[in-house]
Amino acid sequence: MEFSKRKGPVFDHQGGMEQLMTEERAVAQVKAEATPPPSTGPEIPVAPARGPFKVFQPFEMVRGSTERARRTGYKGRDAVQVADAFDVMERQARRKKAPPPFTPGQVSAGRDYRALVERLDSAGVRCSSLESLAQRSSGGGSYSDAVLADSRRLAALRRRIGNGMALEVRRIRPSKRGPNARSCITDRALVDMVCLNEMTLAEVLKHFGWTVNQKAREALRTALARILDRMQGY
């Protein structure tokens, strides 16, 4: 912006128009990314606040002379589901024409862990001990028995996760970590940030102050893959 002695501020109209067009393109891109495809129907709105999503075809197996799949979506339409961190990372890999970062079994282990934690949180026993749950359990398939079983399963999963460090990340030279990097990322923090907080590997590295580069990202991916394998019992 320049100033004239007689007329005050003088605006660069060309620069202002370019900035306005850039902002309009950015808004249009956000709306485009938040718009479900026509196959999902007109009832699902454009919602940027929804975040990343994925489209899938609901179906069920129908028995008959031969078992076949039948679409079960409303009026045969596709369905929309909010994407989690695993979906986002797989999408990023697909754009780079790289293989999926995690196997279906590893992704399933992470999602099962998240579902278990959310189920216990909704039951209001986040801070309850196994002993107190056992005392309240009356047997016979009661609600407390189910919560107790979930609590024991979660405790077993967290023992498999362990309290160690993501060793592959620790092997990277300090000069490659960035000036404000913390010394380590624990296995438990890594799992919770990805599975519960929906953070990608790059976001985990940034959270701990690490420089996001291919070597650090791959080391963290390898560490998480091994933890997810342990959670499956391997």
C-alpha atoms as a PDB file:
ATOM      1  CA  MET A   1       0.000   0.000   0.000  1.00  0.00           C
ATOM      2  CA  GLU A   2       1.249   3.464  -0.930  1.00  0.00           C
ATOM      3  CA  PHE A   3       0.173   6.838   0.459  1.00  0.00           C
ATOM      4  CA  SER A   4      -0.620   9.973  -1.547  1.00  0.00           C
ATOM      5  CA  LYS A   5      -0.300  13.404   0.006  1.00  0.00           C
ATOM      6  CA  ARG A   6      -3.700  14.440  -1.363  1.00  0.00           C
ATOM      7  CA  LYS A   7      -5.826  11.306  -1.543  1.00  0.00           C
ATOM      8  CA  GLY A   8      -4.562   9.126   1.317  1.00  0.00           C
ATOM      9  CA  PRO A   9      -4.113   5.392   0.757  1.00  0.00           C
ATOM     10  CA  VAL A  10      -3.676   4.172  -2.793  1.00  0.00           C
ATOM     11  CA  PHE A  11      -4.556   0.493  -3.230  1.00  0.00           C
ATOM     12  CA  ASP A  12      -2.986  -1.897  -5.702  1.00  0.00           C
ATOM     13  CA  HIS A  13      -6.173  -3.060  -7.386  1.00  0.00           C
ATOM     14  CA  GLN A  14      -4.431  -5.677  -9.512  1.00  0.00           C
ATOM     15  CA  GLY A  15      -2.747  -7.210  -6.469  1.00  0.00           C
ATOM     16  CA  GLY A  16      -6.025  -7.097  -4.555  1.00  0.00           C
ATOM     17  CA  MET A  17      -7.868  -8.875  -7.345  1.00  0.00           C
ATOM     18  CA  GLU A  18      -5.201 -11.586  -7.528  1.00  0.00           C
ATOM     19  CA  GLN A  19      -5.428 -12.146  -3.784  1.00  0.00           C
ATOM     20  CA  LEU A  20      -9.228 -12.314  -3.988  1.00  0.00           C
ATOM     21  CA  MET A  21      -9.050 -14.864  -6.813  1.00  0.00           C
ATOM     22  CA  THR A  22      -6.553 -16.947  -4.828  1.00  0.00           C
ATOM     23  CA  GLU A  23      -8.864 -16.956  -1.811  1.00  0.00           C
ATOM     24  CA  GLU A  24     -11.851 -17.893  -3.983  1.00  0.00           C
ATOM     25  CA  ARG A  25      -9.899 -20.805  -5.489  1.00  0.00           C
ATOM     26  CA  ALA A  26      -8.935 -21.972  -1.991  1.00  0.00           C
ATOM     27  CA  VAL A  27     -12.558 -21.832  -0.829  1.00  0.00           C
ATOM     28  CA  ALA A  28     -13.703 -23.675  -3.971  1.00  0.00           C
ATOM     29  CA  GLN A  29     -11.119 -26.399  -3.345  1.00  0.00           C
ATOM     30  CA  VAL A  30     -12.249 -26.840   0.278  1.00  0.00           C
ATOM     31  CA  LYS A  31     -15.870 -27.126  -0.864  1.00  0.00           C
ATOM     32  CA  ALA A  32     -14.941 -29.589  -3.600  1.00  0.00           C
ATOM     33  CA  GLU A  33     -13.079 -31.824  -1.144  1.00  0.00           C
ATOM     34  CA  ALA A  34     -16.072 -31.711   1.245  1.00  0.00           C
ATOM     35  CA  THR A  35     -18.633 -32.606  -1.457  1.00  0.00           C
ATOM     36  CA  PRO A  36     -19.692 -36.285  -1.509  1.00  0.00           C
ATOM     37  CA  PRO A  37     -20.009 -37.869  -4.969  1.00  0.00           C
ATOM     38  CA  PRO A  38     -23.434 -38.114  -6.626  1.00  0.00           C
ATOM     39  CA  SER A  39     -23.572 -41.860  -5.856  1.00  0.00           C
ATOM     40  CA  THR A  40     -24.267 -41.030  -2.180  1.00  0.00           C
ATOM     41  CA  GLY A  41     -27.437 -39.066  -2.969  1.00  0.00           C
ATOM     42  CA  PRO A  42     -28.481 -35.449  -2.373  1.00  0.00           C
ATOM     43  CA  GLU A  43     -29.268 -35.862   1.346  1.00  0.00           C
ATOM     44  CA  ILE A  44     -25.612 -35.813   2.432  1.00  0.00           C
ATOM     45  CA  PRO A  45     -24.597 -32.145   2.590  1.00  0.00           C
ATOM     46  CA  VAL A  46     -21.374 -30.387   1.720  1.00  0.00           C
ATOM     47  CA  ALA A  47     -19.654 -30.125   5.117  1.00  0.00           C
ATOM     48  CA  PRO A  48     -16.029 -28.895   5.316  1.00  0.00           C
ATOM     49  CA  ALA A  49     -16.099 -29.320   9.110  1.00  0.00           C
ATOM     50  CA  ARG A  50     -16.678 -33.043   8.621  1.00  0.00           C
ATOM     51  CA  GLY A  51     -13.044 -33.432   7.587  1.00  0.00           C
ATOM     52  CA  PRO A  52     -11.693 -36.187   5.333  1.00  0.00           C
ATOM     53  CA  PHE A  53     -14.194 -38.910   4.450  1.00  0.00           C
ATOM     54  CA  LYS A  54     -14.372 -42.106   2.445  1.00  0.00           C
ATOM     55  CA  VAL A  55     -17.136 -43.558   0.300  1.00  0.00           C
ATOM     56  CA  PHE A  56     -18.029 -47.241   0.427  1.00  0.00           C
ATOM     57  CA  GLN A  57     -20.771 -49.619  -0.705  1.00  0.00           C
ATOM     58  CA  PRO A  58     -22.767 -51.239   2.134  1.00  0.00           C
ATOM     59  CA  PHE A  59     -23.757 -54.807   1.283  1.00  0.00           C
ATOM     60  CA  GLU A  60     -24.792 -58.092   2.852  1.00  0.00           C
ATOM     61  CA  MET A  61     -24.534 -61.677   1.770  1.00  0.00           C
ATOM     62  CA  VAL A  62     -27.845 -63.221   0.681  1.00  0.00           C
ATOM     63  CA  ARG A  63     -28.314 -66.981   0.851  1.00  0.00           C
ATOM     64  CA  GLY A  64     -30.026 -68.765  -1.978  1.00  0.00           C
ATOM     65  CA  SER A  65     -29.125 -71.193  -4.681  1.00  0.00           C
ATOM     66  CA  THR A  66     -25.773 -69.422  -4.653  1.00  0.00           C
ATOM     67  CA  GLU A  67     -24.572 -66.975  -2.057  1.00  0.00           C
ATOM     68  CA  ARG A  68     -24.445 -63.477  -3.482  1.00  0.00           C
ATOM     69  CA  ALA A  69     -23.878 -59.935  -2.277  1.00  0.00           C
ATOM     70  CA  ARG A  70     -26.733 -57.437  -2.124  1.00  0.00           C
ATOM     71  CA  ARG A  71     -26.282 -53.709  -1.687  1.00  0.00           C
ATOM     72  CA  THR A  72     -27.985 -52.443   1.463  1.00  0.00           C
ATOM     73  CA  GLY A  73     -27.415 -48.700   1.205  1.00  0.00           C
ATOM     74  CA  TYR A  74     -30.455 -46.425   1.251  1.00  0.00           C
ATOM     75  CA  LYS A  75     -32.033 -46.661  -2.217  1.00  0.00           C
ATOM     76  CA  GLY A  76     -28.931 -48.591  -3.302  1.00  0.00           C
ATOM     77  CA  ARG A  77     -26.681 -45.621  -2.731  1.00  0.00           C
ATOM     78  CA  ASP A  78     -23.116 -45.479  -1.480  1.00  0.00           C
ATOM     79  CA  ALA A  79     -22.439 -44.447   2.111  1.00  0.00           C
ATOM     80  CA  VAL A  80     -20.046 -41.873   3.560  1.00  0.00           C
ATOM     81  CA  GLN A  81     -17.822 -42.483   6.582  1.00  0.00           C
ATOM     82  CA  VAL A  82     -15.463 -40.052   8.255  1.00  0.00           C
ATOM     83  CA  ALA A  83     -11.890 -41.068   7.445  1.00  0.00           C
ATOM     84  CA  ASP A  84      -9.535 -41.912  10.296  1.00  0.00           C
ATOM     85  CA  ALA A  85      -5.746 -41.498  10.395  1.00  0.00           C
ATOM     86  CA  PHE A  86      -5.210 -44.842   8.650  1.00  0.00           C
ATOM     87  CA  ASP A  87      -7.488 -43.786   5.788  1.00  0.00           C
ATOM     88  CA  VAL A  88      -5.696 -40.456   5.450  1.00  0.00           C
ATOM     89  CA  MET A  89      -2.250 -42.076   5.389  1.00  0.00           C
ATOM     90  CA  GLU A  90      -3.377 -44.670   2.850  1.00  0.00           C
ATOM     91  CA  ARG A  91      -4.778 -41.901   0.661  1.00  0.00           C
ATOM     92  CA  GLN A  92      -1.501 -39.991   0.902  1.00  0.00           C
ATOM     93  CA  ALA A  93       0.417 -43.112  -0.126  1.00  0.00           C
ATOM     94  CA  ARG A  94      -1.938 -43.720  -3.056  1.00  0.00           C
ATOM     95  CA  ARG A  95      -1.380 -40.184  -4.333  1.00  0.00           C
ATOM     96  CA  LYS A  96       2.357 -40.857  -4.305  1.00  0.00           C
ATOM     97  CA  LYS A  97       1.736 -44.229  -6.025  1.00  0.00           C
ATOM     98  CA  ALA A  98       3.311 -45.935  -3.023  1.00  0.00           C
ATOM     99  CA  PRO A  99       2.078 -49.147  -1.351  1.00  0.00           C
ATOM    100  CA  PRO A 100      -0.253 -48.874   1.675  1.00  0.00           C
ATOM    101  CA  PRO A 101       1.741 -48.024   4.818  1.00  0.00           C
ATOM    102  CA  PHE A 102       0.022 -50.720   6.910  1.00  0.00           C
ATOM    103  CA  THR A 103      -1.488 -54.137   6.272  1.00  0.00           C
ATOM    104  CA  PRO A 104      -5.242 -54.739   6.705  1.00  0.00           C
ATOM    105  CA  GLY A 105      -4.515 -56.708   9.872  1.00  0.00           C
ATOM    106  CA  GLN A 106      -2.495 -53.872  11.368  1.00  0.00           C
ATOM    107  CA  VAL A 107      -5.200 -51.337  10.532  1.00  0.00           C
ATOM    108  CA  SER A 108      -7.836 -53.617  12.044  1.00  0.00           C
ATOM    109  CA  ALA A 109      -5.797 -53.922  15.259  1.00  0.00           C
ATOM    110  CA  GLY A 110      -5.557 -50.147  15.559  1.00  0.00           C
ATOM    111  CA  ARG A 111      -9.262 -49.633  14.936  1.00  0.00           C
ATOM    112  CA  ASP A 112     -10.221 -52.389  17.379  1.00  0.00           C
ATOM    113  CA  TYR A 113      -8.083 -50.693  20.021  1.00  0.00           C
ATOM    114  CA  ARG A 114      -9.812 -47.358  19.392  1.00  0.00           C
ATOM    115  CA  ALA A 115     -13.281 -48.943  19.537  1.00  0.00           C
ATOM    116  CA  LEU A 116     -12.423 -50.677  22.813  1.00  0.00           C
ATOM    117  CA  VAL A 117     -11.161 -47.480  24.436  1.00  0.00           C
ATOM    118  CA  GLU A 118     -14.210 -45.513  23.254  1.00  0.00           C
ATOM    119  CA  ARG A 119     -16.568 -48.224  24.516  1.00  0.00           C
ATOM    120  CA  LEU A 120     -15.000 -48.171  27.982  1.00  0.00           C
ATOM    121  CA  ASP A 121     -14.966 -44.376  28.064  1.00  0.00           C
ATOM    122  CA  SER A 122     -18.676 -44.295  27.241  1.00  0.00           C
ATOM    123  CA  ALA A 123     -19.284 -46.816  30.036  1.00  0.00           C
ATOM    124  CA  GLY A 124     -17.809 -44.333  32.502  1.00  0.00           C
ATOM    125  CA  VAL A 125     -15.078 -46.650  33.795  1.00  0.00           C
ATOM    126  CA  ARG A 126     -12.055 -44.912  32.362  1.00  0.00           C
ATOM    127  CA  CYS A 127     -10.361 -44.640  35.748  1.00  0.00           C
ATOM    128  CA  SER A 128     -11.873 -47.720  37.361  1.00  0.00           C
ATOM    129  CA  SER A 129      -9.637 -50.572  38.432  1.00  0.00           C
ATOM    130  CA  LEU A 130     -10.186 -54.176  37.471  1.00  0.00           C
ATOM    131  CA  GLU A 131     -10.670 -55.010  41.154  1.00  0.00           C
ATOM    132  CA  SER A 132     -13.585 -52.614  41.578  1.00  0.00           C
ATOM    133  CA  LEU A 133     -15.195 -53.885  38.404  1.00  0.00           C
ATOM    134  CA  ALA A 134     -14.791 -57.477  39.572  1.00  0.00           C
ATOM    135  CA  GLN A 135     -16.510 -56.641  42.864  1.00  0.00           C
ATOM    136  CA  ARG A 136     -19.483 -55.118  41.025  1.00  0.00           C
ATOM    137  CA  SER A 137     -19.748 -58.039  38.621  1.00  0.00           C
ATOM    138  CA  SER A 138     -22.544 -60.450  39.522  1.00  0.00           C
ATOM    139  CA  GLY A 139     -21.930 -63.050  36.821  1.00  0.00           C
ATOM    140  CA  GLY A 140     -24.418 -64.429  34.374  1.00  0.00           C
ATOM    141  CA  GLY A 141     -23.538 -62.141  31.481  1.00  0.00           C
ATOM    142  CA  SER A 142     -24.405 -58.879  33.223  1.00  0.00           C
ATOM    143  CA  TYR A 143     -23.402 -55.440  31.986  1.00  0.00           C
ATOM    144  CA  SER A 144     -20.606 -55.291  34.556  1.00  0.00           C
ATOM    145  CA  ASP A 145     -19.270 -58.611  33.278  1.00  0.00           C
ATOM    146  CA  ALA A 146     -19.087 -57.205  29.753  1.00  0.00           C
ATOM    147  CA  VAL A 147     -17.313 -54.064  30.958  1.00  0.00           C
ATOM    148  CA  LEU A 148     -14.925 -56.167  33.015  1.00  0.00           C
ATOM    149  CA  ALA A 149     -14.116 -58.333  29.979  1.00  0.00           C
ATOM    150  CA  ASP A 150     -13.427 -55.205  27.907  1.00  0.00           C
ATOM    151  CA  SER A 151     -11.212 -53.777  30.650  1.00  0.00           C
ATOM    152  CA  ARG A 152      -9.160 -56.944  30.838  1.00  0.00           C
ATOM    153  CA  ARG A 153      -8.813 -57.046  27.063  1.00  0.00           C
ATOM    154  CA  LEU A 154      -7.661 -53.415  27.007  1.00  0.00           C
ATOM    155  CA  ALA A 155      -5.140 -54.117  29.771  1.00  0.00           C
ATOM    156  CA  ALA A 156      -3.803 -57.053  27.743  1.00  0.00           C
ATOM    157  CA  LEU A 157      -3.473 -54.894  24.623  1.00  0.00           C
ATOM    158  CA  ARG A 158      -1.610 -52.202  26.528  1.00  0.00           C
ATOM    159  CA  ARG A 159       0.778 -54.809  27.905  1.00  0.00           C
ATOM    160  CA  ARG A 160       1.489 -55.824  24.312  1.00  0.00           C
ATOM    161  CA  ILE A 161       2.060 -52.180  23.379  1.00  0.00           C
ATOM    162  CA  GLY A 162       4.465 -51.850  26.301  1.00  0.00           C
ATOM    163  CA  ASN A 163       6.217 -48.831  27.746  1.00  0.00           C
ATOM    164  CA  GLY A 164       9.236 -48.927  25.477  1.00  0.00           C
ATOM    165  CA  MET A 165      10.441 -46.471  22.893  1.00  0.00           C
ATOM    166  CA  ALA A 166      10.053 -46.431  19.141  1.00  0.00           C
ATOM    167  CA  LEU A 167      13.632 -47.660  18.775  1.00  0.00           C
ATOM    168  CA  GLU A 168      13.868 -47.112  15.038  1.00  0.00           C
ATOM    169  CA  VAL A 169      13.275 -43.416  15.582  1.00  0.00           C
ATOM    170  CA  ARG A 170      15.915 -43.208  18.317  1.00  0.00           C
ATOM    171  CA  ARG A 171      18.558 -44.527  15.907  1.00  0.00           C
ATOM    172  CA  ILE A 172      18.289 -41.422  13.736  1.00  0.00           C
ATOM    173  CA  ARG A 173      21.199 -39.056  14.306  1.00  0.00           C
ATOM    174  CA  PRO A 174      20.419 -35.972  16.440  1.00  0.00           C
ATOM    175  CA  SER A 175      21.409 -33.760  13.510  1.00  0.00           C
ATOM    176  CA  LYS A 176      18.490 -35.213  11.538  1.00  0.00           C
ATOM    177  CA  ARG A 177      15.896 -34.715  14.296  1.00  0.00           C
ATOM    178  CA  GLY A 178      15.646 -30.941  14.244  1.00  0.00           C
ATOM    179  CA  PRO A 179      16.817 -28.383  16.819  1.00  0.00           C
ATOM    180  CA  ASN A 180      13.808 -28.695  19.159  1.00  0.00           C
ATOM    181  CA  ALA A 181      13.234 -32.439  19.002  1.00  0.00           C
ATOM    182  CA  ARG A 182      12.496 -34.398  22.127  1.00  0.00           C
ATOM    183  CA  SER A 183      14.664 -37.375  22.834  1.00  0.00           C
ATOM    184  CA  CYS A 184      12.082 -40.081  22.152  1.00  0.00           C
ATOM    185  CA  ILE A 185       8.541 -41.054  21.235  1.00  0.00           C
ATOM    186  CA  THR A 186       7.152 -43.862  23.358  1.00  0.00           C
ATOM    187  CA  ASP A 187       5.310 -46.807  21.865  1.00  0.00           C
ATOM    188  CA  ARG A 188       2.176 -46.027  23.867  1.00  0.00           C
ATOM    189  CA  ALA A 189       2.175 -42.350  22.841  1.00  0.00           C
ATOM    190  CA  LEU A 190       2.588 -43.336  19.192  1.00  0.00           C
ATOM    191  CA  VAL A 191      -0.343 -45.762  19.264  1.00  0.00           C
ATOM    192  CA  ASP A 192      -2.632 -43.401  21.168  1.00  0.00           C
ATOM    193  CA  MET A 193      -1.882 -40.427  18.920  1.00  0.00           C
ATOM    194  CA  VAL A 194      -2.557 -42.355  15.719  1.00  0.00           C
ATOM    195  CA  CYS A 195      -5.413 -44.603  16.853  1.00  0.00           C
ATOM    196  CA  LEU A 196      -7.197 -42.345  19.361  1.00  0.00           C
ATOM    197  CA  ASN A 197      -6.244 -38.794  18.383  1.00  0.00           C
ATOM    198  CA  GLU A 198      -6.398 -39.431  14.605  1.00  0.00           C
ATOM    199  CA  MET A 199      -2.923 -38.017  13.935  1.00  0.00           C
ATOM    200  CA  THR A 200      -0.842 -39.022  10.930  1.00  0.00           C
ATOM    201  CA  LEU A 201       2.815 -39.968  11.310  1.00  0.00           C
ATOM    202  CA  ALA A 202       3.877 -36.526  10.092  1.00  0.00           C
ATOM    203  CA  GLU A 203       1.635 -34.884  12.698  1.00  0.00           C
ATOM    204  CA  VAL A 204       3.114 -37.069  15.448  1.00  0.00           C
ATOM    205  CA  LEU A 205       6.620 -36.027  14.433  1.00  0.00           C
ATOM    206  CA  LYS A 206       5.620 -32.352  14.424  1.00  0.00           C
ATOM    207  CA  HIS A 207       3.955 -32.720  17.819  1.00  0.00           C
ATOM    208  CA  PHE A 208       7.237 -33.888  19.328  1.00  0.00           C
ATOM    209  CA  GLY A 209       9.233 -31.228  17.498  1.00  0.00           C
ATOM    210  CA  TRP A 210      10.912 -33.573  15.030  1.00  0.00           C
ATOM    211  CA  THR A 211      11.826 -32.580  11.505  1.00  0.00           C
ATOM    212  CA  VAL A 212       9.439 -34.332   9.120  1.00  0.00           C
ATOM    213  CA  ASN A 213      11.519 -36.130   6.516  1.00  0.00           C
ATOM    214  CA  GLN A 214      11.333 -39.453   4.737  1.00  0.00           C
ATOM    215  CA  LYS A 215      13.773 -41.209   7.056  1.00  0.00           C
ATOM    216  CA  ALA A 216      12.008 -40.149  10.261  1.00  0.00           C
ATOM    217  CA  ARG A 217       8.581 -40.935   8.823  1.00  0.00           C
ATOM    218  CA  GLU A 218       9.658 -44.402   7.663  1.00  0.00           C
ATOM    219  CA  ALA A 219      11.255 -45.175  11.022  1.00  0.00           C
ATOM    220  CA  LEU A 220       8.050 -44.183  12.797  1.00  0.00           C
ATOM    221  CA  ARG A 221       5.940 -46.205  10.357  1.00  0.00           C
ATOM    222  CA  THR A 222       8.090 -49.286  10.955  1.00  0.00           C
ATOM    223  CA  ALA A 223       7.824 -48.828  14.724  1.00  0.00           C
ATOM    224  CA  LEU A 224       4.029 -48.505  14.599  1.00  0.00           C
ATOM    225  CA  ALA A 225       3.690 -51.505  12.281  1.00  0.00           C
ATOM    226  CA  ARG A 226       5.638 -53.667  14.737  1.00  0.00           C
ATOM    227  CA  ILE A 227       3.514 -52.464  17.661  1.00  0.00           C
ATOM    228  CA  LEU A 228       0.292 -53.217  15.764  1.00  0.00           C
ATOM    229  CA  ASP A 229       1.643 -56.697  15.009  1.00  0.00           C
ATOM    230  CA  ARG A 230       2.255 -57.229  18.728  1.00  0.00           C
ATOM    231  CA  MET A 231      -1.307 -56.110  19.426  1.00  0.00           C
ATOM    232  CA  GLN A 232      -2.501 -58.836  17.048  1.00  0.00           C
ATOM    233  CA  GLY A 233      -0.505 -61.374  19.044  1.00  0.00           C
ATOM    234  CA  TYR A 234       2.426 -61.785  16.650  1.00  0.00           C
END
